[in-house]
Amino acid sequence: MEQRDWDELKQAAVEVMGRAYAPYSRYPVGAAARTDDGRTVVGCNVENAAYGVTLCAECGLVSQLHATGGGRLTHFVCVNADSDVIMPCGRCRQLLFEHGGRDLLVWTIAGVKPMSEVLPDAFGPDDLGLVTSTATDQDGGR
C-alpha cells in the first residue's frame, strides 16, 4: 500500500473519531482498516457510565467488518483527538490479530509493522486446534 493510501485510511479514522462518544475520558478514538476485498471499515469508541462496558474503536471496526460481509483485515490505523497515530491496547491487539492475523499491517507510533511484531507470539484460532484432550479426560471424567 502506498503512503497516499495510508493517508486516506488515516483520514477515515480521523473522520470517524469525530463521531466518538467519549464524555467520561474525553479521549475520542477513531480506527480504520482496509479489508482483503478492498473495503474500508471504521469504528470509534463508545463509552458508558459503567466503564467496563465501554466499546473501543477497534471493537466497532471489527463489528462493521462482519456486518458488511466479513473477510480479513489487511491494513489498520487508529488515531486520537489530535489526529495522532496511537497504539491499540493489548485487548484490541488481540482482537485485531483474530481478524487480520500475523500479516495485518498496523501503522504504529514507530511506523508500519506487521501484527507479528505488534503482538509477538500471539494466541489465536490455530492454537485452539492444538488441544488434544479436555479437562474431564485428564481428571478421569470427574
N, C-alpha and C. Protein backbone atom coordinates (compact mmCIF):
# COMPACT_ATOMS: atom_id res chain seq x y z
N MET A 1 0.86 -1.17 0.00
CA MET A 1 0.00 0.00 0.00
C MET A 1 0.90 1.23 0.00
N GLU A 2 0.58 2.18 -0.83
CA GLU A 2 1.35 3.42 -0.95
C GLU A 2 1.03 4.36 0.21
N GLN A 3 1.90 5.35 0.44
CA GLN A 3 1.70 6.30 1.53
C GLN A 3 0.37 7.04 1.38
N ARG A 4 0.00 7.40 0.15
CA ARG A 4 -1.27 8.12 -0.03
C ARG A 4 -2.46 7.26 0.40
N ASP A 5 -2.34 5.93 0.21
CA ASP A 5 -3.40 5.02 0.67
C ASP A 5 -3.46 4.99 2.19
N TRP A 6 -2.28 4.97 2.84
CA TRP A 6 -2.25 5.04 4.30
C TRP A 6 -2.84 6.36 4.78
N ASP A 7 -2.53 7.45 4.08
CA ASP A 7 -3.06 8.77 4.46
C ASP A 7 -4.58 8.80 4.35
N GLU A 8 -5.12 8.17 3.30
CA GLU A 8 -6.59 8.08 3.14
C GLU A 8 -7.20 7.26 4.28
N LEU A 9 -6.53 6.18 4.64
CA LEU A 9 -7.02 5.34 5.74
C LEU A 9 -7.01 6.13 7.04
N LYS A 10 -5.93 6.88 7.27
CA LYS A 10 -5.85 7.70 8.48
C LYS A 10 -6.94 8.76 8.48
N GLN A 11 -7.22 9.36 7.32
CA GLN A 11 -8.28 10.37 7.24
C GLN A 11 -9.64 9.76 7.60
N ALA A 12 -9.87 8.53 7.19
CA ALA A 12 -11.13 7.85 7.55
C ALA A 12 -11.20 7.67 9.06
N ALA A 13 -10.06 7.35 9.69
CA ALA A 13 -10.02 7.20 11.15
C ALA A 13 -10.28 8.53 11.83
N VAL A 14 -9.71 9.60 11.30
CA VAL A 14 -9.93 10.94 11.86
C VAL A 14 -11.40 11.32 11.77
N GLU A 15 -12.01 11.06 10.62
CA GLU A 15 -13.43 11.40 10.43
C GLU A 15 -14.31 10.65 11.41
N VAL A 16 -14.11 9.36 11.57
CA VAL A 16 -14.97 8.60 12.48
C VAL A 16 -14.66 8.94 13.94
N MET A 17 -13.43 9.34 14.23
CA MET A 17 -13.09 9.77 15.59
C MET A 17 -13.97 10.94 16.00
N GLY A 18 -14.33 11.78 15.05
CA GLY A 18 -15.21 12.92 15.33
C GLY A 18 -16.60 12.52 15.77
N ARG A 19 -16.97 11.25 15.58
CA ARG A 19 -18.28 10.76 15.99
C ARG A 19 -18.21 9.90 17.25
N ALA A 20 -17.03 9.82 17.85
CA ALA A 20 -16.87 9.03 19.08
C ALA A 20 -17.73 9.60 20.20
N TYR A 21 -18.12 8.74 21.11
CA TYR A 21 -18.88 9.14 22.29
C TYR A 21 -17.96 8.91 23.49
N ALA A 22 -17.29 9.98 23.93
CA ALA A 22 -16.29 9.87 24.99
C ALA A 22 -16.47 10.95 26.05
N PRO A 23 -17.67 11.02 26.68
CA PRO A 23 -17.90 12.09 27.65
C PRO A 23 -17.16 11.89 28.98
N TYR A 24 -16.68 10.68 29.26
CA TYR A 24 -16.05 10.41 30.55
C TYR A 24 -14.53 10.58 30.47
N SER A 25 -13.91 9.95 29.51
CA SER A 25 -12.46 10.07 29.38
C SER A 25 -12.06 11.32 28.60
N ARG A 26 -12.97 11.81 27.78
CA ARG A 26 -12.67 12.91 26.86
C ARG A 26 -11.49 12.54 25.96
N TYR A 27 -11.42 11.26 25.61
CA TYR A 27 -10.35 10.74 24.76
C TYR A 27 -10.98 9.98 23.58
N PRO A 28 -11.46 10.73 22.59
CA PRO A 28 -12.07 10.06 21.44
C PRO A 28 -11.01 9.35 20.60
N VAL A 29 -11.39 8.19 20.09
CA VAL A 29 -10.50 7.39 19.25
C VAL A 29 -11.27 6.98 18.00
N GLY A 30 -10.58 7.04 16.88
CA GLY A 30 -11.13 6.56 15.62
C GLY A 30 -10.20 5.52 15.04
N ALA A 31 -10.76 4.52 14.39
CA ALA A 31 -9.97 3.46 13.78
C ALA A 31 -10.48 3.19 12.38
N ALA A 32 -9.56 2.85 11.49
CA ALA A 32 -9.94 2.49 10.12
C ALA A 32 -9.04 1.36 9.65
N ALA A 33 -9.60 0.50 8.82
CA ALA A 33 -8.83 -0.62 8.28
C ALA A 33 -9.28 -0.91 6.86
N ARG A 34 -8.37 -1.49 6.11
CA ARG A 34 -8.68 -1.99 4.77
C ARG A 34 -8.86 -3.48 4.90
N THR A 35 -9.78 -4.02 4.10
CA THR A 35 -10.06 -5.45 4.12
C THR A 35 -9.44 -6.12 2.90
N ASP A 36 -9.43 -7.44 2.92
CA ASP A 36 -8.83 -8.19 1.83
C ASP A 36 -9.59 -8.03 0.51
N ASP A 37 -10.82 -7.54 0.55
CA ASP A 37 -11.54 -7.28 -0.71
C ASP A 37 -11.59 -5.79 -1.05
N GLY A 38 -10.80 -4.97 -0.33
CA GLY A 38 -10.66 -3.56 -0.68
C GLY A 38 -11.58 -2.60 0.05
N ARG A 39 -12.51 -3.12 0.87
CA ARG A 39 -13.40 -2.24 1.62
C ARG A 39 -12.62 -1.51 2.70
N THR A 40 -13.14 -0.37 3.12
CA THR A 40 -12.63 0.33 4.30
C THR A 40 -13.69 0.20 5.38
N VAL A 41 -13.29 -0.24 6.56
CA VAL A 41 -14.19 -0.34 7.71
C VAL A 41 -13.66 0.59 8.79
N VAL A 42 -14.57 1.15 9.57
CA VAL A 42 -14.20 2.13 10.59
C VAL A 42 -14.89 1.83 11.91
N GLY A 43 -14.37 2.43 12.96
CA GLY A 43 -15.00 2.33 14.27
C GLY A 43 -14.54 3.46 15.15
N CYS A 44 -15.36 3.82 16.14
CA CYS A 44 -14.99 4.83 17.12
C CYS A 44 -15.36 4.32 18.50
N ASN A 45 -14.69 4.87 19.51
CA ASN A 45 -15.01 4.40 20.86
C ASN A 45 -16.36 4.95 21.30
N VAL A 46 -17.05 4.13 22.09
CA VAL A 46 -18.36 4.48 22.64
C VAL A 46 -18.30 4.15 24.13
N GLU A 47 -18.21 5.19 24.95
CA GLU A 47 -18.07 4.99 26.39
C GLU A 47 -19.41 4.76 27.06
N ASN A 48 -19.34 4.37 28.33
CA ASN A 48 -20.51 4.07 29.12
C ASN A 48 -20.20 4.46 30.56
N ALA A 49 -21.21 4.92 31.29
CA ALA A 49 -21.00 5.29 32.69
C ALA A 49 -20.47 4.12 33.51
N ALA A 50 -20.82 2.91 33.12
CA ALA A 50 -20.22 1.71 33.72
C ALA A 50 -18.97 1.42 32.88
N TYR A 51 -17.84 1.94 33.30
CA TYR A 51 -16.64 1.97 32.47
C TYR A 51 -16.30 0.65 31.79
N GLY A 52 -16.50 -0.45 32.45
CA GLY A 52 -16.16 -1.75 31.87
C GLY A 52 -16.99 -2.13 30.66
N VAL A 53 -18.05 -1.40 30.41
CA VAL A 53 -18.93 -1.70 29.28
C VAL A 53 -18.57 -0.86 28.06
N THR A 54 -17.55 -0.04 28.18
CA THR A 54 -17.10 0.81 27.08
C THR A 54 -16.65 -0.03 25.90
N LEU A 55 -16.95 0.45 24.69
CA LEU A 55 -16.52 -0.22 23.47
C LEU A 55 -15.37 0.56 22.85
N CYS A 56 -14.28 -0.11 22.57
CA CYS A 56 -13.15 0.52 21.92
C CYS A 56 -13.46 0.72 20.43
N ALA A 57 -12.73 1.63 19.82
CA ALA A 57 -12.89 1.88 18.38
C ALA A 57 -12.65 0.60 17.58
N GLU A 58 -11.68 -0.19 18.01
CA GLU A 58 -11.36 -1.43 17.30
C GLU A 58 -12.53 -2.41 17.34
N CYS A 59 -13.28 -2.42 18.45
CA CYS A 59 -14.45 -3.30 18.55
C CYS A 59 -15.50 -2.89 17.52
N GLY A 60 -15.74 -1.60 17.41
CA GLY A 60 -16.70 -1.12 16.41
C GLY A 60 -16.25 -1.44 15.00
N LEU A 61 -14.96 -1.33 14.75
CA LEU A 61 -14.42 -1.62 13.43
C LEU A 61 -14.62 -3.09 13.08
N VAL A 62 -14.31 -3.99 14.01
CA VAL A 62 -14.48 -5.42 13.75
C VAL A 62 -15.96 -5.75 13.58
N SER A 63 -16.82 -5.09 14.33
CA SER A 63 -18.25 -5.29 14.15
C SER A 63 -18.68 -4.87 12.75
N GLN A 64 -18.18 -3.73 12.28
CA GLN A 64 -18.52 -3.29 10.93
C GLN A 64 -17.95 -4.25 9.89
N LEU A 65 -16.76 -4.79 10.15
CA LEU A 65 -16.17 -5.78 9.23
C LEU A 65 -17.16 -6.91 8.99
N HIS A 66 -17.72 -7.46 10.07
CA HIS A 66 -18.63 -8.59 9.93
C HIS A 66 -20.01 -8.17 9.44
N ALA A 67 -20.45 -6.99 9.83
CA ALA A 67 -21.77 -6.51 9.40
C ALA A 67 -21.80 -6.20 7.90
N THR A 68 -20.64 -5.97 7.31
CA THR A 68 -20.59 -5.61 5.89
C THR A 68 -20.04 -6.72 5.01
N GLY A 69 -19.99 -7.93 5.54
CA GLY A 69 -19.61 -9.05 4.69
C GLY A 69 -18.45 -9.89 5.16
N GLY A 70 -17.80 -9.51 6.25
CA GLY A 70 -16.70 -10.32 6.77
C GLY A 70 -15.41 -10.11 6.01
N GLY A 71 -14.57 -11.12 6.02
CA GLY A 71 -13.27 -11.02 5.38
C GLY A 71 -12.18 -10.84 6.41
N ARG A 72 -11.01 -10.44 5.94
CA ARG A 72 -9.84 -10.26 6.80
C ARG A 72 -9.36 -8.83 6.71
N LEU A 73 -8.84 -8.32 7.82
CA LEU A 73 -8.23 -7.01 7.83
C LEU A 73 -6.82 -7.14 7.26
N THR A 74 -6.41 -6.16 6.43
CA THR A 74 -5.07 -6.19 5.85
C THR A 74 -4.22 -5.01 6.28
N HIS A 75 -4.84 -3.86 6.57
CA HIS A 75 -4.13 -2.64 6.96
C HIS A 75 -4.97 -1.95 8.03
N PHE A 76 -4.30 -1.38 9.07
CA PHE A 76 -5.04 -0.79 10.19
C PHE A 76 -4.32 0.43 10.73
N VAL A 77 -5.12 1.41 11.17
CA VAL A 77 -4.58 2.59 11.87
C VAL A 77 -5.63 3.11 12.84
N CYS A 78 -5.19 3.65 13.98
CA CYS A 78 -6.12 4.36 14.87
C CYS A 78 -5.48 5.67 15.32
N VAL A 79 -6.35 6.63 15.63
CA VAL A 79 -5.91 7.99 15.95
C VAL A 79 -6.64 8.52 17.18
N ASN A 80 -6.03 9.56 17.77
CA ASN A 80 -6.66 10.25 18.90
C ASN A 80 -7.27 11.57 18.42
N ALA A 81 -7.73 12.39 19.35
CA ALA A 81 -8.40 13.65 19.00
C ALA A 81 -7.49 14.65 18.30
N ASP A 82 -6.18 14.50 18.45
CA ASP A 82 -5.23 15.38 17.76
C ASP A 82 -4.81 14.81 16.41
N SER A 83 -5.47 13.74 15.97
CA SER A 83 -5.16 13.05 14.72
C SER A 83 -3.81 12.36 14.74
N ASP A 84 -3.27 12.14 15.95
CA ASP A 84 -2.01 11.42 16.09
C ASP A 84 -2.28 9.92 16.00
N VAL A 85 -1.41 9.20 15.34
CA VAL A 85 -1.49 7.74 15.31
C VAL A 85 -1.20 7.24 16.72
N ILE A 86 -2.03 6.32 17.21
CA ILE A 86 -1.85 5.74 18.54
C ILE A 86 -1.83 4.22 18.43
N MET A 87 -1.34 3.59 19.48
CA MET A 87 -1.28 2.12 19.53
C MET A 87 -2.57 1.56 20.13
N PRO A 88 -3.07 0.49 19.57
CA PRO A 88 -4.18 -0.21 20.21
C PRO A 88 -3.70 -0.82 21.53
N CYS A 89 -4.60 -0.92 22.49
CA CYS A 89 -4.26 -1.56 23.76
C CYS A 89 -4.07 -3.06 23.52
N GLY A 90 -3.62 -3.77 24.52
CA GLY A 90 -3.38 -5.20 24.39
C GLY A 90 -4.62 -5.98 24.01
N ARG A 91 -5.75 -5.67 24.63
CA ARG A 91 -7.01 -6.36 24.31
C ARG A 91 -7.36 -6.17 22.85
N CYS A 92 -7.20 -4.95 22.37
CA CYS A 92 -7.55 -4.66 20.98
C CYS A 92 -6.54 -5.24 20.00
N ARG A 93 -5.29 -5.35 20.41
CA ARG A 93 -4.30 -6.02 19.56
C ARG A 93 -4.72 -7.47 19.35
N GLN A 94 -5.20 -8.10 20.42
CA GLN A 94 -5.67 -9.48 20.30
C GLN A 94 -6.87 -9.56 19.36
N LEU A 95 -7.78 -8.62 19.48
CA LEU A 95 -8.96 -8.58 18.60
C LEU A 95 -8.53 -8.41 17.15
N LEU A 96 -7.59 -7.51 16.90
CA LEU A 96 -7.11 -7.28 15.54
C LEU A 96 -6.39 -8.51 15.00
N PHE A 97 -5.61 -9.18 15.85
CA PHE A 97 -4.94 -10.41 15.43
C PHE A 97 -5.94 -11.45 14.98
N GLU A 98 -7.02 -11.58 15.72
CA GLU A 98 -8.06 -12.57 15.40
C GLU A 98 -8.64 -12.34 14.00
N HIS A 99 -8.73 -11.07 13.58
CA HIS A 99 -9.41 -10.74 12.34
C HIS A 99 -8.48 -10.28 11.22
N GLY A 100 -7.17 -10.28 11.50
CA GLY A 100 -6.21 -9.91 10.46
C GLY A 100 -5.00 -10.83 10.41
N GLY A 101 -4.75 -11.51 11.49
CA GLY A 101 -3.64 -12.45 11.53
C GLY A 101 -2.28 -11.79 11.65
N ARG A 102 -1.27 -12.61 11.54
CA ARG A 102 0.12 -12.17 11.72
C ARG A 102 0.57 -11.16 10.68
N ASP A 103 -0.05 -11.20 9.49
CA ASP A 103 0.39 -10.33 8.39
C ASP A 103 -0.34 -8.99 8.32
N LEU A 104 -1.33 -8.78 9.17
CA LEU A 104 -2.03 -7.49 9.20
C LEU A 104 -0.99 -6.39 9.41
N LEU A 105 -1.00 -5.38 8.55
CA LEU A 105 -0.08 -4.26 8.68
C LEU A 105 -0.73 -3.18 9.54
N VAL A 106 -0.02 -2.76 10.57
CA VAL A 106 -0.54 -1.78 11.54
C VAL A 106 0.36 -0.56 11.52
N TRP A 107 -0.25 0.61 11.30
CA TRP A 107 0.51 1.86 11.38
C TRP A 107 0.66 2.18 12.86
N THR A 108 1.84 2.05 13.39
CA THR A 108 2.11 2.25 14.81
C THR A 108 2.82 3.59 15.01
N ILE A 109 3.07 3.93 16.25
CA ILE A 109 3.80 5.16 16.55
C ILE A 109 5.25 5.07 16.09
N ALA A 110 5.70 3.86 15.75
CA ALA A 110 7.06 3.65 15.25
C ALA A 110 7.07 3.26 13.78
N GLY A 111 5.99 3.54 13.06
CA GLY A 111 5.90 3.18 11.65
C GLY A 111 5.01 1.98 11.42
N VAL A 112 4.95 1.54 10.17
CA VAL A 112 4.11 0.40 9.80
C VAL A 112 4.83 -0.90 10.15
N LYS A 113 4.10 -1.75 10.89
CA LYS A 113 4.66 -3.04 11.32
C LYS A 113 3.63 -4.14 11.12
N PRO A 114 4.09 -5.36 10.86
CA PRO A 114 3.13 -6.47 10.80
C PRO A 114 2.66 -6.81 12.22
N MET A 115 1.48 -7.35 12.31
CA MET A 115 0.92 -7.72 13.60
C MET A 115 1.84 -8.68 14.35
N SER A 116 2.61 -9.49 13.62
CA SER A 116 3.54 -10.42 14.28
C SER A 116 4.56 -9.68 15.13
N GLU A 117 4.84 -8.40 14.82
CA GLU A 117 5.72 -7.59 15.66
C GLU A 117 4.95 -6.80 16.71
N VAL A 118 3.73 -6.41 16.38
CA VAL A 118 2.90 -5.64 17.31
C VAL A 118 2.41 -6.53 18.46
N LEU A 119 2.14 -7.78 18.15
CA LEU A 119 1.69 -8.76 19.15
C LEU A 119 2.46 -10.06 18.92
N PRO A 120 3.74 -10.09 19.32
CA PRO A 120 4.54 -11.30 19.07
C PRO A 120 4.01 -12.50 19.84
N ASP A 121 4.17 -13.65 19.25
CA ASP A 121 3.77 -14.91 19.88
C ASP A 121 2.30 -14.89 20.29
N ALA A 122 1.47 -14.32 19.44
CA ALA A 122 0.04 -14.17 19.74
C ALA A 122 -0.66 -15.53 19.83
N PHE A 123 -1.69 -15.56 20.64
CA PHE A 123 -2.58 -16.71 20.77
C PHE A 123 -3.75 -16.49 19.83
N GLY A 124 -4.07 -17.47 19.01
CA GLY A 124 -5.16 -17.29 18.06
C GLY A 124 -5.92 -18.56 17.79
N PRO A 125 -6.79 -18.52 16.80
CA PRO A 125 -7.64 -19.66 16.48
C PRO A 125 -6.86 -20.96 16.23
N ASP A 126 -5.69 -20.85 15.60
CA ASP A 126 -4.90 -22.06 15.33
C ASP A 126 -4.48 -22.76 16.62
N ASP A 127 -4.27 -21.98 17.68
CA ASP A 127 -3.86 -22.57 18.95
C ASP A 127 -4.96 -23.44 19.55
N LEU A 128 -6.21 -23.13 19.26
CA LEU A 128 -7.31 -23.92 19.80
C LEU A 128 -7.29 -25.34 19.26
N GLY A 129 -6.79 -25.51 18.05
CA GLY A 129 -6.70 -26.83 17.44
C GLY A 129 -5.63 -27.70 18.05
N LEU A 130 -4.77 -27.12 18.87
CA LEU A 130 -3.69 -27.89 19.49
C LEU A 130 -4.15 -28.65 20.73
N VAL A 131 -5.35 -28.37 21.21
CA VAL A 131 -5.87 -29.05 22.39
C VAL A 131 -6.25 -30.47 21.98
N THR A 132 -5.70 -31.45 22.70
CA THR A 132 -5.96 -32.85 22.34
C THR A 132 -6.86 -33.58 23.32
N SER A 133 -7.08 -32.97 24.50
CA SER A 133 -7.96 -33.60 25.47
C SER A 133 -8.67 -32.52 26.27
N THR A 134 -9.75 -32.90 26.91
CA THR A 134 -10.49 -31.95 27.74
C THR A 134 -10.10 -32.11 29.19
N ALA A 135 -10.48 -31.19 30.00
CA ALA A 135 -10.20 -31.26 31.44
C ALA A 135 -10.82 -32.51 32.04
N THR A 136 -12.00 -32.91 31.58
CA THR A 136 -12.65 -34.09 32.16
C THR A 136 -11.89 -35.36 31.76
N ASP A 137 -11.28 -35.38 30.57
CA ASP A 137 -10.47 -36.51 30.18
C ASP A 137 -9.25 -36.65 31.09
N GLN A 138 -8.70 -35.52 31.48
CA GLN A 138 -7.48 -35.52 32.28
C GLN A 138 -7.73 -35.92 33.72
N ASP A 139 -8.91 -35.64 34.24
CA ASP A 139 -9.16 -35.96 35.66
C ASP A 139 -10.03 -37.22 35.81
N GLY A 140 -10.09 -38.03 34.77
CA GLY A 140 -10.82 -39.29 34.87
C GLY A 140 -12.31 -39.14 34.75
N GLY A 141 -12.81 -38.03 34.19
CA GLY A 141 -14.23 -37.85 33.99
C GLY A 141 -14.98 -37.35 35.20
N ARG A 142 -14.26 -36.96 36.25
CA ARG A 142 -14.93 -36.46 37.46
C ARG A 142 -15.44 -35.08 37.27
